[in-house]
């Protein structure tokens, strides 16, 4: 499996439910949705396949420092989403009682 095959598989995994395709992830697009999908794909490439930042950058047409920033920002975004979900779950008992 080539790096581009891996990237295509990651985009299919993370982008399909958001309506984001491979061309968008590899483009210079900066919309929030495309950024989030791209960051998740980059993070998965790092964690699952052990790719270095330069390797990820080459696969996604980005500089390695951009990859580092995207992964870091994506992790912050995931933490914020988790907080929102937990806050919403905490409200459920009040809604059931009230």
N, C-alpha and C. Protein backbone atom coordinates (compact mmCIF):
# COMPACT_ATOMS: atom_id res chain seq x y z
N UNK A 1 0.85 -1.18 0.00
CA UNK A 1 0.00 0.00 0.00
C UNK A 1 0.90 1.24 0.00
N UNK A 2 0.69 2.12 -0.95
CA UNK A 2 1.50 3.33 -1.05
C UNK A 2 1.00 4.38 -0.06
N UNK A 3 1.78 5.42 0.13
CA UNK A 3 1.36 6.51 1.02
C UNK A 3 0.08 7.16 0.52
N UNK A 4 -0.03 7.32 -0.79
CA UNK A 4 -1.24 7.95 -1.33
C UNK A 4 -2.46 7.05 -1.11
N UNK A 5 -2.27 5.73 -1.14
CA UNK A 5 -3.37 4.81 -0.83
C UNK A 5 -3.80 4.98 0.63
N UNK A 6 -2.81 5.13 1.51
CA UNK A 6 -3.11 5.32 2.94
C UNK A 6 -3.86 6.64 3.14
N UNK A 7 -3.39 7.70 2.49
CA UNK A 7 -4.07 9.00 2.61
C UNK A 7 -5.50 8.90 2.10
N UNK A 8 -5.69 8.25 0.97
CA UNK A 8 -7.04 8.09 0.40
C UNK A 8 -7.93 7.31 1.36
N UNK A 9 -7.39 6.27 2.00
CA UNK A 9 -8.18 5.48 2.95
C UNK A 9 -8.54 6.31 4.18
N UNK A 10 -7.60 7.11 4.67
CA UNK A 10 -7.86 7.95 5.84
C UNK A 10 -8.92 9.01 5.51
N UNK A 11 -8.82 9.61 4.34
CA UNK A 11 -9.81 10.61 3.94
C UNK A 11 -11.18 9.96 3.81
N UNK A 12 -11.23 8.76 3.26
CA UNK A 12 -12.51 8.06 3.16
C UNK A 12 -13.09 7.80 4.54
N UNK A 13 -12.22 7.44 5.49
CA UNK A 13 -12.67 7.14 6.85
C UNK A 13 -13.17 8.39 7.58
N UNK A 14 -12.40 9.46 7.52
CA UNK A 14 -12.74 10.66 8.29
C UNK A 14 -13.56 11.69 7.53
N UNK A 15 -13.49 11.66 6.20
CA UNK A 15 -14.15 12.69 5.42
C UNK A 15 -15.51 12.32 4.87
N UNK A 16 -15.80 11.03 4.76
CA UNK A 16 -17.05 10.62 4.10
C UNK A 16 -18.29 11.14 4.82
N UNK A 17 -18.31 11.08 6.13
CA UNK A 17 -19.50 11.54 6.87
C UNK A 17 -19.59 13.06 6.93
N UNK A 18 -18.51 13.75 6.55
CA UNK A 18 -18.52 15.22 6.54
C UNK A 18 -18.64 15.76 5.12
N UNK A 19 -18.68 14.87 4.12
CA UNK A 19 -18.79 15.29 2.73
C UNK A 19 -17.51 15.89 2.18
N UNK A 20 -16.38 15.47 2.70
CA UNK A 20 -15.08 16.00 2.27
C UNK A 20 -14.32 14.88 1.56
N UNK A 21 -13.84 15.18 0.36
CA UNK A 21 -13.12 14.20 -0.43
C UNK A 21 -11.62 14.43 -0.46
N UNK A 22 -10.94 13.52 -1.12
CA UNK A 22 -9.48 13.55 -1.19
C UNK A 22 -8.97 14.85 -1.81
N UNK A 23 -9.58 15.28 -2.91
CA UNK A 23 -9.13 16.51 -3.57
C UNK A 23 -9.18 17.71 -2.63
N UNK A 24 -10.23 17.79 -1.83
CA UNK A 24 -10.36 18.91 -0.89
C UNK A 24 -9.30 18.86 0.20
N UNK A 25 -9.04 17.67 0.73
CA UNK A 25 -8.05 17.52 1.79
C UNK A 25 -6.65 17.87 1.29
N UNK A 26 -6.35 17.52 0.05
CA UNK A 26 -5.03 17.80 -0.51
C UNK A 26 -4.93 19.22 -1.08
N UNK A 27 -6.05 19.92 -1.18
CA UNK A 27 -6.04 21.29 -1.71
C UNK A 27 -5.55 22.26 -0.63
N UNK A 28 -5.52 23.52 -0.99
CA UNK A 28 -5.13 24.56 -0.04
C UNK A 28 -6.34 25.10 0.72
N UNK A 29 -7.48 24.44 0.60
CA UNK A 29 -8.70 24.87 1.27
C UNK A 29 -8.52 25.02 2.77
N UNK A 30 -9.15 26.08 3.31
CA UNK A 30 -8.99 26.36 4.73
C UNK A 30 -10.31 26.40 5.47
N UNK A 31 -11.36 25.86 4.87
CA UNK A 31 -12.64 25.87 5.59
C UNK A 31 -12.51 25.00 6.83
N UNK A 32 -13.32 25.28 7.82
CA UNK A 32 -13.23 24.57 9.10
C UNK A 32 -13.41 23.06 8.93
N UNK A 33 -14.37 22.67 8.13
CA UNK A 33 -14.64 21.25 7.94
C UNK A 33 -13.46 20.56 7.28
N UNK A 34 -12.94 21.16 6.22
CA UNK A 34 -11.79 20.56 5.52
C UNK A 34 -10.58 20.51 6.45
N UNK A 35 -10.35 21.58 7.18
CA UNK A 35 -9.22 21.61 8.12
C UNK A 35 -9.33 20.49 9.15
N UNK A 36 -10.53 20.31 9.72
CA UNK A 36 -10.71 19.28 10.75
C UNK A 36 -10.47 17.88 10.19
N UNK A 37 -10.99 17.62 9.00
CA UNK A 37 -10.79 16.30 8.39
C UNK A 37 -9.30 16.10 8.09
N UNK A 38 -8.66 17.12 7.53
CA UNK A 38 -7.23 17.02 7.22
C UNK A 38 -6.42 16.77 8.49
N UNK A 39 -6.72 17.51 9.56
CA UNK A 39 -5.98 17.35 10.81
C UNK A 39 -6.17 15.95 11.39
N UNK A 40 -7.39 15.43 11.32
CA UNK A 40 -7.62 14.06 11.84
C UNK A 40 -6.87 13.03 11.02
N UNK A 41 -6.84 13.22 9.71
CA UNK A 41 -6.10 12.30 8.85
C UNK A 41 -4.61 12.35 9.16
N UNK A 42 -4.10 13.55 9.34
CA UNK A 42 -2.67 13.70 9.66
C UNK A 42 -2.34 13.05 11.00
N UNK A 43 -3.21 13.26 11.96
CA UNK A 43 -2.98 12.67 13.28
C UNK A 43 -3.01 11.14 13.20
N UNK A 44 -3.94 10.61 12.43
CA UNK A 44 -4.04 9.15 12.26
C UNK A 44 -2.79 8.61 11.57
N UNK A 45 -2.29 9.33 10.58
CA UNK A 45 -1.06 8.90 9.89
C UNK A 45 0.10 8.84 10.87
N UNK A 46 0.14 9.79 11.77
CA UNK A 46 1.20 9.84 12.78
C UNK A 46 1.06 8.70 13.79
N UNK A 47 -0.17 8.52 14.32
CA UNK A 47 -0.39 7.55 15.39
C UNK A 47 -0.45 6.11 14.89
N UNK A 48 -1.13 5.88 13.79
CA UNK A 48 -1.31 4.51 13.30
C UNK A 48 -0.12 3.98 12.52
N UNK A 49 0.51 4.86 11.75
CA UNK A 49 1.56 4.40 10.84
C UNK A 49 2.94 4.88 11.23
N UNK A 50 3.03 5.74 12.26
CA UNK A 50 4.32 6.20 12.75
C UNK A 50 5.07 7.09 11.78
N UNK A 51 4.32 7.74 10.87
CA UNK A 51 4.97 8.63 9.91
C UNK A 51 5.56 9.84 10.62
N UNK A 52 6.70 10.30 10.12
CA UNK A 52 7.31 11.52 10.65
C UNK A 52 6.53 12.73 10.12
N UNK A 53 6.74 13.88 10.73
CA UNK A 53 6.06 15.09 10.25
C UNK A 53 6.42 15.40 8.80
N UNK A 54 7.69 15.29 8.40
CA UNK A 54 8.02 15.52 6.99
C UNK A 54 7.32 14.51 6.05
N UNK A 55 7.21 13.25 6.47
CA UNK A 55 6.52 12.26 5.64
C UNK A 55 5.04 12.61 5.48
N UNK A 56 4.42 13.02 6.57
CA UNK A 56 3.01 13.43 6.51
C UNK A 56 2.87 14.66 5.62
N UNK A 57 3.76 15.61 5.80
CA UNK A 57 3.72 16.82 4.98
C UNK A 57 3.81 16.51 3.50
N UNK A 58 4.70 15.62 3.14
CA UNK A 58 4.85 15.25 1.73
C UNK A 58 3.58 14.59 1.20
N UNK A 59 2.97 13.73 1.99
CA UNK A 59 1.76 13.02 1.57
C UNK A 59 0.56 13.96 1.42
N UNK A 60 0.53 15.03 2.24
CA UNK A 60 -0.61 15.95 2.23
C UNK A 60 -0.27 17.30 1.55
N UNK A 61 0.87 17.37 0.89
CA UNK A 61 1.29 18.60 0.19
C UNK A 61 1.43 19.79 1.14
N UNK A 62 2.02 19.54 2.29
CA UNK A 62 2.20 20.58 3.30
C UNK A 62 3.63 20.54 3.83
N UNK A 63 4.05 21.63 4.44
CA UNK A 63 5.33 21.70 5.14
C UNK A 63 5.18 20.97 6.47
N UNK A 64 6.27 20.41 6.99
CA UNK A 64 6.17 19.65 8.23
C UNK A 64 5.72 20.51 9.41
N UNK A 65 6.06 21.80 9.40
CA UNK A 65 5.61 22.66 10.51
C UNK A 65 4.11 22.89 10.44
N UNK A 66 3.55 22.92 9.25
CA UNK A 66 2.10 23.03 9.08
C UNK A 66 1.43 21.78 9.63
N UNK A 67 2.03 20.64 9.39
CA UNK A 67 1.50 19.37 9.90
C UNK A 67 1.49 19.40 11.43
N UNK A 68 2.58 19.85 12.02
CA UNK A 68 2.66 19.91 13.48
C UNK A 68 1.56 20.82 14.04
N UNK A 69 1.37 21.97 13.42
CA UNK A 69 0.33 22.90 13.88
C UNK A 69 -1.07 22.32 13.71
N UNK A 70 -1.30 21.66 12.58
CA UNK A 70 -2.62 21.09 12.31
C UNK A 70 -2.96 19.99 13.32
N UNK A 71 -2.00 19.14 13.61
CA UNK A 71 -2.24 18.06 14.57
C UNK A 71 -2.52 18.64 15.95
N UNK A 72 -1.73 19.63 16.34
CA UNK A 72 -1.93 20.26 17.65
C UNK A 72 -3.29 20.94 17.72
N UNK A 73 -3.66 21.68 16.69
CA UNK A 73 -4.96 22.36 16.67
C UNK A 73 -6.10 21.36 16.62
N UNK A 74 -5.92 20.28 15.90
CA UNK A 74 -6.94 19.24 15.84
C UNK A 74 -7.16 18.58 17.18
N UNK A 75 -6.10 18.41 17.94
CA UNK A 75 -6.22 17.83 19.28
C UNK A 75 -6.98 18.78 20.21
N UNK A 76 -6.71 20.09 20.09
CA UNK A 76 -7.45 21.07 20.89
C UNK A 76 -8.93 21.04 20.53
N UNK A 77 -9.22 20.95 19.24
CA UNK A 77 -10.61 20.92 18.77
C UNK A 77 -11.33 19.69 19.32
N UNK A 78 -10.64 18.54 19.32
CA UNK A 78 -11.24 17.31 19.84
C UNK A 78 -11.53 17.43 21.33
N UNK A 79 -10.62 18.05 22.07
CA UNK A 79 -10.85 18.24 23.51
C UNK A 79 -12.06 19.14 23.75
N UNK A 80 -12.19 20.20 22.95
CA UNK A 80 -13.33 21.10 23.10
C UNK A 80 -14.64 20.38 22.78
N UNK A 81 -14.64 19.54 21.75
CA UNK A 81 -15.83 18.77 21.41
C UNK A 81 -16.20 17.85 22.56
N UNK A 82 -15.20 17.22 23.16
CA UNK A 82 -15.44 16.33 24.29
C UNK A 82 -16.06 17.06 25.47
N UNK A 83 -15.58 18.26 25.73
CA UNK A 83 -16.15 19.07 26.82
C UNK A 83 -17.61 19.40 26.54
N UNK A 84 -17.92 19.74 25.30
CA UNK A 84 -19.30 20.08 24.94
C UNK A 84 -20.21 18.87 25.10
N UNK A 85 -19.74 17.70 24.71
CA UNK A 85 -20.53 16.48 24.85
C UNK A 85 -20.77 16.18 26.32
N UNK A 86 -19.72 16.27 27.13
CA UNK A 86 -19.86 16.00 28.57
C UNK A 86 -20.82 16.99 29.22
N UNK A 87 -20.74 18.26 28.81
CA UNK A 87 -21.64 19.27 29.36
C UNK A 87 -23.09 18.94 28.98
N UNK A 88 -23.29 18.52 27.75
CA UNK A 88 -24.64 18.15 27.30
C UNK A 88 -25.16 16.94 28.04
N UNK A 89 -24.29 15.97 28.28
CA UNK A 89 -24.70 14.76 29.02
C UNK A 89 -25.05 15.10 30.46
N UNK A 90 -24.34 16.06 31.04
CA UNK A 90 -24.60 16.46 32.42
C UNK A 90 -25.98 17.08 32.56
N UNK A 91 -26.50 17.69 31.50
CA UNK A 91 -27.81 18.33 31.55
C UNK A 91 -28.96 17.33 31.43
N UNK A 92 -28.72 16.15 30.96
CA UNK A 92 -29.79 15.17 30.72
C UNK A 92 -30.57 14.84 31.99
N UNK A 93 -29.91 14.55 33.13
CA UNK A 93 -30.71 14.24 34.33
C UNK A 93 -31.66 15.39 34.71
N UNK A 94 -31.19 16.63 34.57
CA UNK A 94 -32.04 17.77 34.90
C UNK A 94 -33.26 17.84 33.97
N UNK A 95 -33.04 17.50 32.71
CA UNK A 95 -34.14 17.52 31.75
C UNK A 95 -35.15 16.41 32.05
N UNK A 96 -34.66 15.27 32.49
CA UNK A 96 -35.56 14.15 32.80
C UNK A 96 -36.38 14.41 34.05
N UNK A 97 -35.78 15.04 35.03
CA UNK A 97 -36.46 15.33 36.29
C UNK A 97 -37.41 16.51 36.13
N UNK A 98 -36.93 17.54 35.47
CA UNK A 98 -37.65 18.81 35.36
C UNK A 98 -38.82 18.73 34.50
